[in-house]
Amino acid sequence: MRKKLFLGIIMVSTTMLLFACKANHSEEEDKTASKQTDHNEKNETKKDIKKDVINVEELCIQNGENTIYGKLYVPVEEGKHPVIILSHGYNGTNNDFVNECKYYAQNGYLAYAFDFCGGSGGSKSTGKTTDMTIFTEKSDVLAIFDYFQTMENVDTEQIFLFGGSQGGLVTALAAEERAEKVKGMILYFPAFSIPDDWRKNYPDIEKIPETVDFWGLKLGRNFFTDIHDFYTFDNIGSYNKDVLILHGDRDEIVPLSYSVEAQKKYPHAELITMNGEGHGFSPTGANMAKEKVLEYLQKHTDSN
């Protein structure tokens, strides 16, 4: 299930270690501002240009023996910022969320997209794909969340979790374990169907092979055995803050009905049905979705 769209300082905490990956670099999106004669219009143009300037830093976080690679998109304004942590789908990478990360950073949020350990053939994080499971990915999200609570430029009371497809399922499971600390949660076409799907494919646990090649990724036996007796809707729903779910009505990978059921499980969940969208939003749908997410973030972000 894959979403297709979608220094050297070493800091040690009790459970995590941050590595400097590479030199930070600044990035400015191309923008042409027409000449203005009015002084106020000139000032407004300068503000617009400044808004498009963000910093992008390669940030690695340790989780046990593995190193999680990711990119942190940073607003140019100094001070503490709210954070959104974006988790990619099956066989994806941090690059799946470049547009979203830039957009949120331009609007005042630290945005961190990363590669799950063993999460894809193109992952820059350590770890074998044959060792990856839903629960190793949940562990990655928790390690990242806990690390961000130690960063000086982070408003630790305002850390949001975001996940797409398999990353949506993983994000939902992680939120259950940090329910008191996670400010809010956003899910794109969350793959709550994964355990059900693989139970159907492998009803007899004894017949699950040691490795399975699936959609360009070699998975180990544990991926399937770990979820064989795991039922999604028995394990989510205790997270009682606002949840935003966006799901296409033409999704042929994860039926919309799974998000409908999830909306019932959460005490406070909004489901936006994306008309005509499949698993992985179109460019038009993706733009609409990220705007809806920004509205959600701004509604739930406390002013400093």
C-alpha atoms as a PDB file:
ATOM      1  CA  MET A   1       0.000   0.000   0.000  1.00  0.00           C
ATOM      2  CA  ARG A   2       1.807   3.017  -1.156  1.00  0.00           C
ATOM      3  CA  LYS A   3       1.011   6.627  -1.436  1.00  0.00           C
ATOM      4  CA  LYS A   4       1.911   7.649  -4.953  1.00  0.00           C
ATOM      5  CA  LEU A   5       1.775  11.401  -5.140  1.00  0.00           C
ATOM      6  CA  PHE A   6       2.665  11.282  -1.265  1.00  0.00           C
ATOM      7  CA  LEU A   7      25.450  19.614  13.471  1.00  0.00           C
ATOM      8  CA  GLY A   8      28.611  18.079  14.213  1.00  0.00           C
ATOM      9  CA  ILE A   9      26.656  18.185  17.454  1.00  0.00           C
ATOM     10  CA  ILE A  10      25.488  14.935  18.987  1.00  0.00           C
ATOM     11  CA  MET A  11      22.748  15.266  21.597  1.00  0.00           C
ATOM     12  CA  VAL A  12      22.058  12.350  23.840  1.00  0.00           C
ATOM     13  CA  SER A  13      18.861  11.720  25.760  1.00  0.00           C
ATOM     14  CA  THR A  14      17.947   8.589  27.697  1.00  0.00           C
ATOM     15  CA  THR A  15      16.379   6.855  24.741  1.00  0.00           C
ATOM     16  CA  MET A  16      17.419   8.725  21.591  1.00  0.00           C
ATOM     17  CA  LEU A  17      20.449  10.150  19.848  1.00  0.00           C
ATOM     18  CA  LEU A  18      20.439  12.874  17.218  1.00  0.00           C
ATOM     19  CA  PHE A  19      23.032  12.764  14.451  1.00  0.00           C
ATOM     20  CA  ALA A  20      24.025  15.589  12.169  1.00  0.00           C
ATOM     21  CA  CYS A  21      23.489  14.102   8.705  1.00  0.00           C
ATOM     22  CA  LYS A  22      24.718  16.794   6.370  1.00  0.00           C
ATOM     23  CA  ALA A  23      25.044  20.542   6.236  1.00  0.00           C
ATOM     24  CA  ASN A  24      21.785  22.452   6.438  1.00  0.00           C
ATOM     25  CA  HIS A  25      20.694  24.298   3.384  1.00  0.00           C
ATOM     26  CA  SER A  26      18.291  27.107   2.703  1.00  0.00           C
ATOM     27  CA  GLU A  27      15.576  26.872   0.100  1.00  0.00           C
ATOM     28  CA  GLU A  28      13.507  29.619  -1.496  1.00  0.00           C
ATOM     29  CA  GLU A  29      10.667  28.893  -3.846  1.00  0.00           C
ATOM     30  CA  ASP A  30      10.608  30.905  -7.046  1.00  0.00           C
ATOM     31  CA  LYS A  31       8.198  33.817  -6.801  1.00  0.00           C
ATOM     32  CA  THR A  32       7.829  36.883  -8.979  1.00  0.00           C
ATOM     33  CA  ALA A  33       6.434  39.994  -7.330  1.00  0.00           C
ATOM     34  CA  SER A  34       5.206  42.813  -9.540  1.00  0.00           C
ATOM     35  CA  LYS A  35       6.665  46.242  -8.913  1.00  0.00           C
ATOM     36  CA  GLN A  36       4.603  48.372  -6.592  1.00  0.00           C
ATOM     37  CA  THR A  37       4.695  52.111  -6.304  1.00  0.00           C
ATOM     38  CA  ASP A  38       2.729  52.393  -3.119  1.00  0.00           C
ATOM     39  CA  HIS A  39       4.885  52.050   0.003  1.00  0.00           C
ATOM     40  CA  ASN A  40       2.407  49.764   1.788  1.00  0.00           C
ATOM     41  CA  GLU A  41       2.150  47.473  -1.233  1.00  0.00           C
ATOM     42  CA  LYS A  42       5.940  47.217  -1.328  1.00  0.00           C
ATOM     43  CA  ASN A  43       5.973  46.143   2.289  1.00  0.00           C
ATOM     44  CA  GLU A  44       3.273  43.547   1.644  1.00  0.00           C
ATOM     45  CA  THR A  45       5.267  42.157  -1.288  1.00  0.00           C
ATOM     46  CA  LYS A  46       8.326  41.816   0.949  1.00  0.00           C
ATOM     47  CA  LYS A  47       6.260  39.901   3.476  1.00  0.00           C
ATOM     48  CA  ASP A  48       5.015  37.530   0.779  1.00  0.00           C
ATOM     49  CA  ILE A  49       8.555  36.844  -0.443  1.00  0.00           C
ATOM     50  CA  LYS A  50       9.790  36.272   3.085  1.00  0.00           C
ATOM     51  CA  LYS A  51       6.975  33.802   3.662  1.00  0.00           C
ATOM     52  CA  ASP A  52       8.295  31.621   0.855  1.00  0.00           C
ATOM     53  CA  VAL A  53      11.742  31.346   2.439  1.00  0.00           C
ATOM     54  CA  ILE A  54      12.250  28.292   4.640  1.00  0.00           C
ATOM     55  CA  ASN A  55      15.219  26.330   5.905  1.00  0.00           C
ATOM     56  CA  VAL A  56      15.543  22.606   5.209  1.00  0.00           C
ATOM     57  CA  GLU A  57      17.698  20.554   7.544  1.00  0.00           C
ATOM     58  CA  GLU A  58      18.618  16.896   7.329  1.00  0.00           C
ATOM     59  CA  LEU A  59      17.812  15.496  10.740  1.00  0.00           C
ATOM     60  CA  CYS A  60      18.530  11.952  11.918  1.00  0.00           C
ATOM     61  CA  ILE A  61      17.118  10.495  15.108  1.00  0.00           C
ATOM     62  CA  GLN A  62      18.209   7.314  16.802  1.00  0.00           C
ATOM     63  CA  ASN A  63      15.712   4.583  17.649  1.00  0.00           C
ATOM     64  CA  GLY A  64      17.516   1.740  19.350  1.00  0.00           C
ATOM     65  CA  GLU A  65      20.078   0.365  16.930  1.00  0.00           C
ATOM     66  CA  ASN A  66      18.464   2.064  13.961  1.00  0.00           C
ATOM     67  CA  THR A  67      18.886   5.601  12.661  1.00  0.00           C
ATOM     68  CA  ILE A  68      15.859   7.405  11.266  1.00  0.00           C
ATOM     69  CA  TYR A  69      16.640   9.776   8.398  1.00  0.00           C
ATOM     70  CA  GLY A  70      14.410  12.743   7.743  1.00  0.00           C
ATOM     71  CA  LYS A  71      14.165  16.356   6.646  1.00  0.00           C
ATOM     72  CA  LEU A  72      13.012  19.177   8.863  1.00  0.00           C
ATOM     73  CA  TYR A  73      11.376  22.144   7.157  1.00  0.00           C
ATOM     74  CA  VAL A  74      11.846  25.214   9.333  1.00  0.00           C
ATOM     75  CA  PRO A  75      10.134  28.636   9.197  1.00  0.00           C
ATOM     76  CA  VAL A  76      12.590  31.527   9.032  1.00  0.00           C
ATOM     77  CA  GLU A  77      10.957  33.259  11.985  1.00  0.00           C
ATOM     78  CA  GLU A  78      12.846  32.658  15.222  1.00  0.00           C
ATOM     79  CA  GLY A  79      11.258  31.229  18.330  1.00  0.00           C
ATOM     80  CA  LYS A  80       9.356  28.110  19.254  1.00  0.00           C
ATOM     81  CA  HIS A  81       7.103  26.574  16.641  1.00  0.00           C
ATOM     82  CA  PRO A  82       4.347  23.976  16.581  1.00  0.00           C
ATOM     83  CA  VAL A  83       5.336  20.750  14.822  1.00  0.00           C
ATOM     84  CA  ILE A  84       3.742  18.366  12.354  1.00  0.00           C
ATOM     85  CA  ILE A  85       5.357  14.931  11.917  1.00  0.00           C
ATOM     86  CA  LEU A  86       4.496  13.274   8.586  1.00  0.00           C
ATOM     87  CA  SER A  87       4.619   9.491   8.142  1.00  0.00           C
ATOM     88  CA  HIS A  88       4.691   8.044   4.625  1.00  0.00           C
ATOM     89  CA  GLY A  89       2.874   5.010   3.323  1.00  0.00           C
ATOM     90  CA  TYR A  90       4.005   1.565   2.221  1.00  0.00           C
ATOM     91  CA  ASN A  91       7.304   1.610   0.298  1.00  0.00           C
ATOM     92  CA  GLY A  92       7.345   5.421   0.410  1.00  0.00           C
ATOM     93  CA  THR A  93       9.907   7.966   1.582  1.00  0.00           C
ATOM     94  CA  ASN A  94      10.023  11.446   3.087  1.00  0.00           C
ATOM     95  CA  ASN A  95       9.941  12.833  -0.450  1.00  0.00           C
ATOM     96  CA  ASP A  96       6.272  11.938  -0.674  1.00  0.00           C
ATOM     97  CA  PHE A  97       5.478  14.971   1.478  1.00  0.00           C
ATOM     98  CA  VAL A  98       7.811  17.673   0.133  1.00  0.00           C
ATOM     99  CA  ASN A  99       4.992  19.933  -1.030  1.00  0.00           C
ATOM    100  CA  GLU A 100       3.086  19.553   2.213  1.00  0.00           C
ATOM    101  CA  CYS A 101       6.169  20.202   4.337  1.00  0.00           C
ATOM    102  CA  LYS A 102       7.063  23.370   2.438  1.00  0.00           C
ATOM    103  CA  TYR A 103       3.499  24.604   2.708  1.00  0.00           C
ATOM    104  CA  TYR A 104       3.241  24.049   6.455  1.00  0.00           C
ATOM    105  CA  ALA A 105       6.686  25.546   7.113  1.00  0.00           C
ATOM    106  CA  GLN A 106       5.733  28.625   5.120  1.00  0.00           C
ATOM    107  CA  ASN A 107       2.766  28.947   7.423  1.00  0.00           C
ATOM    108  CA  GLY A 108       4.748  28.775  10.653  1.00  0.00           C
ATOM    109  CA  TYR A 109       5.040  25.052  11.415  1.00  0.00           C
ATOM    110  CA  LEU A 110       8.089  22.879  11.799  1.00  0.00           C
ATOM    111  CA  ALA A 111       7.382  20.001   9.423  1.00  0.00           C
ATOM    112  CA  TYR A 112       9.327  16.759   9.655  1.00  0.00           C
ATOM    113  CA  ALA A 113       9.042  14.016   7.040  1.00  0.00           C
ATOM    114  CA  PHE A 114      11.173  10.913   7.410  1.00  0.00           C
ATOM    115  CA  ASP A 115      11.902   7.437   6.070  1.00  0.00           C
ATOM    116  CA  PHE A 116      10.696   4.520   8.151  1.00  0.00           C
ATOM    117  CA  CYS A 117      13.475   2.098   9.095  1.00  0.00           C
ATOM    118  CA  GLY A 118      13.253  -0.683   6.522  1.00  0.00           C
ATOM    119  CA  GLY A 119      10.169   1.070   5.199  1.00  0.00           C
ATOM    120  CA  SER A 120      11.084   1.107   1.533  1.00  0.00           C
ATOM    121  CA  GLY A 121      13.682   0.210  -1.032  1.00  0.00           C
ATOM    122  CA  GLY A 122      14.615   3.894  -1.236  1.00  0.00           C
ATOM    123  CA  SER A 123      14.830   4.543   2.490  1.00  0.00           C
ATOM    124  CA  LYS A 124      17.831   6.484   3.807  1.00  0.00           C
ATOM    125  CA  SER A 125      17.097   5.200   7.291  1.00  0.00           C
ATOM    126  CA  THR A 126      18.848   2.063   8.486  1.00  0.00           C
ATOM    127  CA  GLY A 127      17.142  -1.282   8.859  1.00  0.00           C
ATOM    128  CA  LYS A 128      16.146  -4.125   6.572  1.00  0.00           C
ATOM    129  CA  THR A 129      12.803  -4.249   4.836  1.00  0.00           C
ATOM    130  CA  THR A 130      12.466  -7.834   6.051  1.00  0.00           C
ATOM    131  CA  ASP A 131      12.580  -6.567   9.658  1.00  0.00           C
ATOM    132  CA  MET A 132       9.933  -3.884   9.176  1.00  0.00           C
ATOM    133  CA  THR A 133       6.483  -4.362  10.675  1.00  0.00           C
ATOM    134  CA  ILE A 134       3.587  -2.101  11.578  1.00  0.00           C
ATOM    135  CA  PHE A 135       4.949  -2.084  15.116  1.00  0.00           C
ATOM    136  CA  THR A 136       8.564  -1.230  14.245  1.00  0.00           C
ATOM    137  CA  GLU A 137       7.146   1.722  12.322  1.00  0.00           C
ATOM    138  CA  LYS A 138       5.058   2.723  15.341  1.00  0.00           C
ATOM    139  CA  SER A 139       8.270   2.630  17.378  1.00  0.00           C
ATOM    140  CA  ASP A 140       9.896   4.999  14.855  1.00  0.00           C
ATOM    141  CA  VAL A 141       7.058   7.508  15.216  1.00  0.00           C
ATOM    142  CA  LEU A 142       7.250   7.370  19.012  1.00  0.00           C
ATOM    143  CA  ALA A 143      11.030   7.899  18.953  1.00  0.00           C
ATOM    144  CA  ILE A 144      10.602  10.936  16.705  1.00  0.00           C
ATOM    145  CA  PHE A 145       7.788  12.351  18.825  1.00  0.00           C
ATOM    146  CA  ASP A 146       9.793  11.948  22.020  1.00  0.00           C
ATOM    147  CA  TYR A 147      12.845  13.544  20.449  1.00  0.00           C
ATOM    148  CA  PHE A 148      10.941  16.615  19.325  1.00  0.00           C
ATOM    149  CA  GLN A 149       9.878  17.170  22.897  1.00  0.00           C
ATOM    150  CA  THR A 150      13.549  17.857  23.684  1.00  0.00           C
ATOM    151  CA  MET A 151      14.177  20.467  20.965  1.00  0.00           C
ATOM    152  CA  GLU A 152      14.617  24.116  21.950  1.00  0.00           C
ATOM    153  CA  ASN A 153      12.750  25.571  18.969  1.00  0.00           C
ATOM    154  CA  VAL A 154       9.705  23.322  19.446  1.00  0.00           C
ATOM    155  CA  ASP A 155       6.490  24.259  21.188  1.00  0.00           C
ATOM    156  CA  THR A 156       6.246  20.901  22.935  1.00  0.00           C
ATOM    157  CA  GLU A 157       2.574  21.383  23.765  1.00  0.00           C
ATOM    158  CA  GLN A 158       1.720  21.562  20.069  1.00  0.00           C
ATOM    159  CA  ILE A 159       3.021  18.506  18.242  1.00  0.00           C
ATOM    160  CA  PHE A 160       0.707  17.065  15.593  1.00  0.00           C
ATOM    161  CA  LEU A 161       0.908  13.625  13.980  1.00  0.00           C
ATOM    162  CA  PHE A 162       0.122  13.079  10.306  1.00  0.00           C
ATOM    163  CA  GLY A 163       0.114   9.814   8.382  1.00  0.00           C
ATOM    164  CA  GLY A 164      -0.853   8.542   4.953  1.00  0.00           C
ATOM    165  CA  SER A 165      -2.005   5.006   4.074  1.00  0.00           C
ATOM    166  CA  GLN A 166       0.107   2.509   6.071  1.00  0.00           C
ATOM    167  CA  GLY A 167       1.639   5.536   7.760  1.00  0.00           C
ATOM    168  CA  GLY A 168      -1.899   6.501   8.740  1.00  0.00           C
ATOM    169  CA  LEU A 169      -2.455   3.210  10.544  1.00  0.00           C
ATOM    170  CA  VAL A 170       0.934   3.526  12.237  1.00  0.00           C
ATOM    171  CA  THR A 171       0.231   7.134  13.225  1.00  0.00           C
ATOM    172  CA  ALA A 172      -3.097   6.146  14.760  1.00  0.00           C
ATOM    173  CA  LEU A 173      -1.427   3.437  16.829  1.00  0.00           C
ATOM    174  CA  ALA A 174       1.313   5.825  17.985  1.00  0.00           C
ATOM    175  CA  ALA A 175      -1.264   8.427  19.008  1.00  0.00           C
ATOM    176  CA  GLU A 176      -2.873   5.874  21.303  1.00  0.00           C
ATOM    177  CA  GLU A 177       0.391   5.654  23.263  1.00  0.00           C
ATOM    178  CA  ARG A 178       1.000   9.403  23.482  1.00  0.00           C
ATOM    179  CA  ALA A 179      -2.644  10.417  23.718  1.00  0.00           C
ATOM    180  CA  GLU A 180      -2.113  13.049  26.414  1.00  0.00           C
ATOM    181  CA  LYS A 181       0.739  14.715  24.534  1.00  0.00           C
ATOM    182  CA  VAL A 182      -0.290  14.595  20.878  1.00  0.00           C
ATOM    183  CA  LYS A 183      -2.017  17.882  20.071  1.00  0.00           C
ATOM    184  CA  GLY A 184      -3.905  16.584  17.063  1.00  0.00           C
ATOM    185  CA  MET A 185      -3.908  13.912  14.367  1.00  0.00           C
ATOM    186  CA  ILE A 186      -4.448  14.014  10.599  1.00  0.00           C
ATOM    187  CA  LEU A 187      -4.865  10.899   8.479  1.00  0.00           C
ATOM    188  CA  TYR A 188      -4.854  10.526   4.698  1.00  0.00           C
ATOM    189  CA  PHE A 189      -6.693   7.371   3.478  1.00  0.00           C
ATOM    190  CA  PRO A 190      -5.423   5.469   6.547  1.00  0.00           C
ATOM    191  CA  ALA A 191      -4.827   1.783   5.849  1.00  0.00           C
ATOM    192  CA  PHE A 192      -6.818   0.398   8.764  1.00  0.00           C
ATOM    193  CA  SER A 193      -7.543  -2.542   6.475  1.00  0.00           C
ATOM    194  CA  ILE A 194      -4.012  -3.992   6.517  1.00  0.00           C
ATOM    195  CA  PRO A 195      -4.545  -6.674   9.181  1.00  0.00           C
ATOM    196  CA  ASP A 196      -7.847  -7.760   7.626  1.00  0.00           C
ATOM    197  CA  ASP A 197      -6.316  -7.924   4.156  1.00  0.00           C
ATOM    198  CA  TRP A 198      -3.406 -10.126   5.197  1.00  0.00           C
ATOM    199  CA  ARG A 199      -5.565 -12.413   7.323  1.00  0.00           C
ATOM    200  CA  LYS A 200      -7.536 -13.111   4.165  1.00  0.00           C
ATOM    201  CA  ASN A 201      -4.350 -13.776   2.181  1.00  0.00           C
ATOM    202  CA  TYR A 202      -2.803 -15.939   4.907  1.00  0.00           C
ATOM    203  CA  PRO A 203      -5.590 -17.432   7.021  1.00  0.00           C
ATOM    204  CA  ASP A 204      -3.243 -20.172   8.218  1.00  0.00           C
ATOM    205  CA  ILE A 205      -0.335 -18.603  10.099  1.00  0.00           C
ATOM    206  CA  GLU A 206       1.725 -21.748   9.634  1.00  0.00           C
ATOM    207  CA  LYS A 207       1.686 -21.258   5.868  1.00  0.00           C
ATOM    208  CA  ILE A 208       3.154 -17.759   5.888  1.00  0.00           C
ATOM    209  CA  PRO A 209       6.517 -17.875   4.049  1.00  0.00           C
ATOM    210  CA  GLU A 210       9.765 -16.471   5.423  1.00  0.00           C
ATOM    211  CA  THR A 211       9.751 -13.638   2.886  1.00  0.00           C
ATOM    212  CA  VAL A 212       7.162 -12.162   0.576  1.00  0.00           C
ATOM    213  CA  ASP A 213       7.776  -9.829  -2.362  1.00  0.00           C
ATOM    214  CA  PHE A 214       4.893  -7.381  -2.396  1.00  0.00           C
ATOM    215  CA  TRP A 215       4.611  -4.268  -4.518  1.00  0.00           C
ATOM    216  CA  GLY A 216       8.355  -3.902  -4.984  1.00  0.00           C
ATOM    217  CA  LEU A 217       9.296  -4.584  -1.367  1.00  0.00           C
ATOM    218  CA  LYS A 218      10.580  -7.754   0.269  1.00  0.00           C
ATOM    219  CA  LEU A 219       8.811  -8.317   3.575  1.00  0.00           C
ATOM    220  CA  GLY A 220       9.749 -10.719   6.338  1.00  0.00           C
ATOM    221  CA  ARG A 221       7.438 -13.238   7.946  1.00  0.00           C
ATOM    222  CA  ASN A 222       7.033 -11.099  11.071  1.00  0.00           C
ATOM    223  CA  PHE A 223       5.223  -8.433   9.090  1.00  0.00           C
ATOM    224  CA  PHE A 224       2.325 -10.867   8.658  1.00  0.00           C
ATOM    225  CA  THR A 225       2.490 -12.862  11.886  1.00  0.00           C
ATOM    226  CA  ASP A 226       2.544  -9.712  14.036  1.00  0.00           C
ATOM    227  CA  ILE A 227      -0.806  -8.562  12.663  1.00  0.00           C
ATOM    228  CA  HIS A 228      -2.453 -11.938  12.162  1.00  0.00           C
ATOM    229  CA  ASP A 229      -4.408 -11.660  15.415  1.00  0.00           C
ATOM    230  CA  PHE A 230      -4.408  -7.855  15.543  1.00  0.00           C
ATOM    231  CA  TYR A 231      -7.734  -6.108  14.974  1.00  0.00           C
ATOM    232  CA  THR A 232      -7.451  -2.421  14.155  1.00  0.00           C
ATOM    233  CA  PHE A 233     -10.699  -1.199  15.644  1.00  0.00           C
ATOM    234  CA  ASP A 234     -10.025  -2.994  18.924  1.00  0.00           C
ATOM    235  CA  ASN A 235      -6.823  -0.976  19.235  1.00  0.00           C
ATOM    236  CA  ILE A 236      -7.780   2.575  18.295  1.00  0.00           C
ATOM    237  CA  GLY A 237     -10.323   5.050  19.616  1.00  0.00           C
ATOM    238  CA  SER A 238      -8.964   6.028  23.018  1.00  0.00           C
ATOM    239  CA  TYR A 239      -7.328   9.109  21.505  1.00  0.00           C
ATOM    240  CA  ASN A 240      -9.947  11.698  22.475  1.00  0.00           C
ATOM    241  CA  LYS A 241      -8.712  14.881  20.830  1.00  0.00           C
ATOM    242  CA  ASP A 242      -9.807  16.102  17.415  1.00  0.00           C
ATOM    243  CA  VAL A 243      -8.938  13.857  14.481  1.00  0.00           C
ATOM    244  CA  LEU A 244      -9.112  14.857  10.810  1.00  0.00           C
ATOM    245  CA  ILE A 245      -9.459  12.074   8.226  1.00  0.00           C
ATOM    246  CA  LEU A 246      -9.396  12.629   4.466  1.00  0.00           C
ATOM    247  CA  HIS A 247     -10.292   9.708   2.209  1.00  0.00           C
ATOM    248  CA  GLY A 248     -11.239   9.394  -1.455  1.00  0.00           C
ATOM    249  CA  ASP A 249     -14.527   7.823  -2.457  1.00  0.00           C
ATOM    250  CA  ARG A 250     -12.804   5.988  -5.324  1.00  0.00           C
ATOM    251  CA  ASP A 251     -10.062   4.395  -3.213  1.00  0.00           C
ATOM    252  CA  GLU A 252      -9.600   0.846  -4.520  1.00  0.00           C
ATOM    253  CA  ILE A 253      -6.814  -0.016  -2.059  1.00  0.00           C
ATOM    254  CA  VAL A 254      -8.388   0.965   1.257  1.00  0.00           C
ATOM    255  CA  PRO A 255     -12.183   1.170   1.124  1.00  0.00           C
ATOM    256  CA  LEU A 256     -13.698   4.404   2.408  1.00  0.00           C
ATOM    257  CA  SER A 257     -15.758   2.271   4.805  1.00  0.00           C
ATOM    258  CA  TYR A 258     -12.672   1.831   7.014  1.00  0.00           C
ATOM    259  CA  SER A 259     -12.456   5.577   7.605  1.00  0.00           C
ATOM    260  CA  VAL A 260     -16.204   5.716   8.197  1.00  0.00           C
ATOM    261  CA  GLU A 261     -15.765   3.089  10.906  1.00  0.00           C
ATOM    262  CA  ALA A 262     -12.772   4.938  12.358  1.00  0.00           C
ATOM    263  CA  GLN A 263     -14.806   8.118  12.590  1.00  0.00           C
ATOM    264  CA  LYS A 264     -17.274   6.210  14.761  1.00  0.00           C
ATOM    265  CA  LYS A 265     -14.501   4.899  17.014  1.00  0.00           C
ATOM    266  CA  TYR A 266     -12.956   8.288  17.785  1.00  0.00           C
ATOM    267  CA  PRO A 267     -14.886  10.578  20.156  1.00  0.00           C
ATOM    268  CA  HIS A 268     -14.021  13.639  18.077  1.00  0.00           C
ATOM    269  CA  ALA A 269     -13.306  12.891  14.427  1.00  0.00           C
ATOM    270  CA  GLU A 270     -14.143  14.666  11.192  1.00  0.00           C
ATOM    271  CA  LEU A 271     -14.135  12.683   7.960  1.00  0.00           C
ATOM    272  CA  ILE A 272     -13.798  14.621   4.718  1.00  0.00           C
ATOM    273  CA  THR A 273     -14.760  12.504   1.742  1.00  0.00           C
ATOM    274  CA  MET A 274     -12.687  13.505  -1.278  1.00  0.00           C
ATOM    275  CA  ASN A 275     -14.988  13.137  -4.261  1.00  0.00           C
ATOM    276  CA  GLY A 276     -13.455  11.386  -7.240  1.00  0.00           C
ATOM    277  CA  GLU A 277     -10.167  10.725  -5.433  1.00  0.00           C
ATOM    278  CA  GLY A 278      -8.394   7.404  -5.126  1.00  0.00           C
ATOM    279  CA  HIS A 279      -5.613   6.054  -2.956  1.00  0.00           C
ATOM    280  CA  GLY A 280      -3.137   8.888  -3.308  1.00  0.00           C
ATOM    281  CA  PHE A 281      -4.742  12.185  -4.194  1.00  0.00           C
ATOM    282  CA  SER A 282      -4.558  13.864  -7.575  1.00  0.00           C
ATOM    283  CA  PRO A 283      -2.654  17.198  -7.762  1.00  0.00           C
ATOM    284  CA  THR A 284      -5.944  19.057  -7.414  1.00  0.00           C
ATOM    285  CA  GLY A 285      -7.048  16.840  -4.548  1.00  0.00           C
ATOM    286  CA  ALA A 286      -3.673  17.122  -2.823  1.00  0.00           C
ATOM    287  CA  ASN A 287      -3.842  20.926  -2.900  1.00  0.00           C
ATOM    288  CA  MET A 288      -7.335  20.882  -1.493  1.00  0.00           C
ATOM    289  CA  ALA A 289      -6.305  18.380   1.189  1.00  0.00           C
ATOM    290  CA  LYS A 290      -3.277  20.328   2.394  1.00  0.00           C
ATOM    291  CA  GLU A 291      -5.427  23.464   2.665  1.00  0.00           C
ATOM    292  CA  LYS A 292      -7.935  21.543   4.776  1.00  0.00           C
ATOM    293  CA  VAL A 293      -5.071  20.312   6.937  1.00  0.00           C
ATOM    294  CA  LEU A 294      -3.730  23.839   7.400  1.00  0.00           C
ATOM    295  CA  GLU A 295      -7.193  24.989   8.452  1.00  0.00           C
ATOM    296  CA  TYR A 296      -7.248  22.174  11.002  1.00  0.00           C
ATOM    297  CA  LEU A 297      -3.759  23.020  12.265  1.00  0.00           C
ATOM    298  CA  GLN A 298      -4.509  26.704  12.636  1.00  0.00           C
ATOM    299  CA  LYS A 299      -7.790  25.981  14.404  1.00  0.00           C
ATOM    300  CA  HIS A 300      -6.022  23.755  16.923  1.00  0.00           C
ATOM    301  CA  THR A 301      -2.821  25.766  17.387  1.00  0.00           C
ATOM    302  CA  ASP A 302      -2.746  27.989  20.438  1.00  0.00           C
ATOM    303  CA  SER A 303      -1.325  31.476  19.969  1.00  0.00           C
ATOM    304  CA  ASN A 304       1.969  32.101  21.721  1.00  0.00           C
END
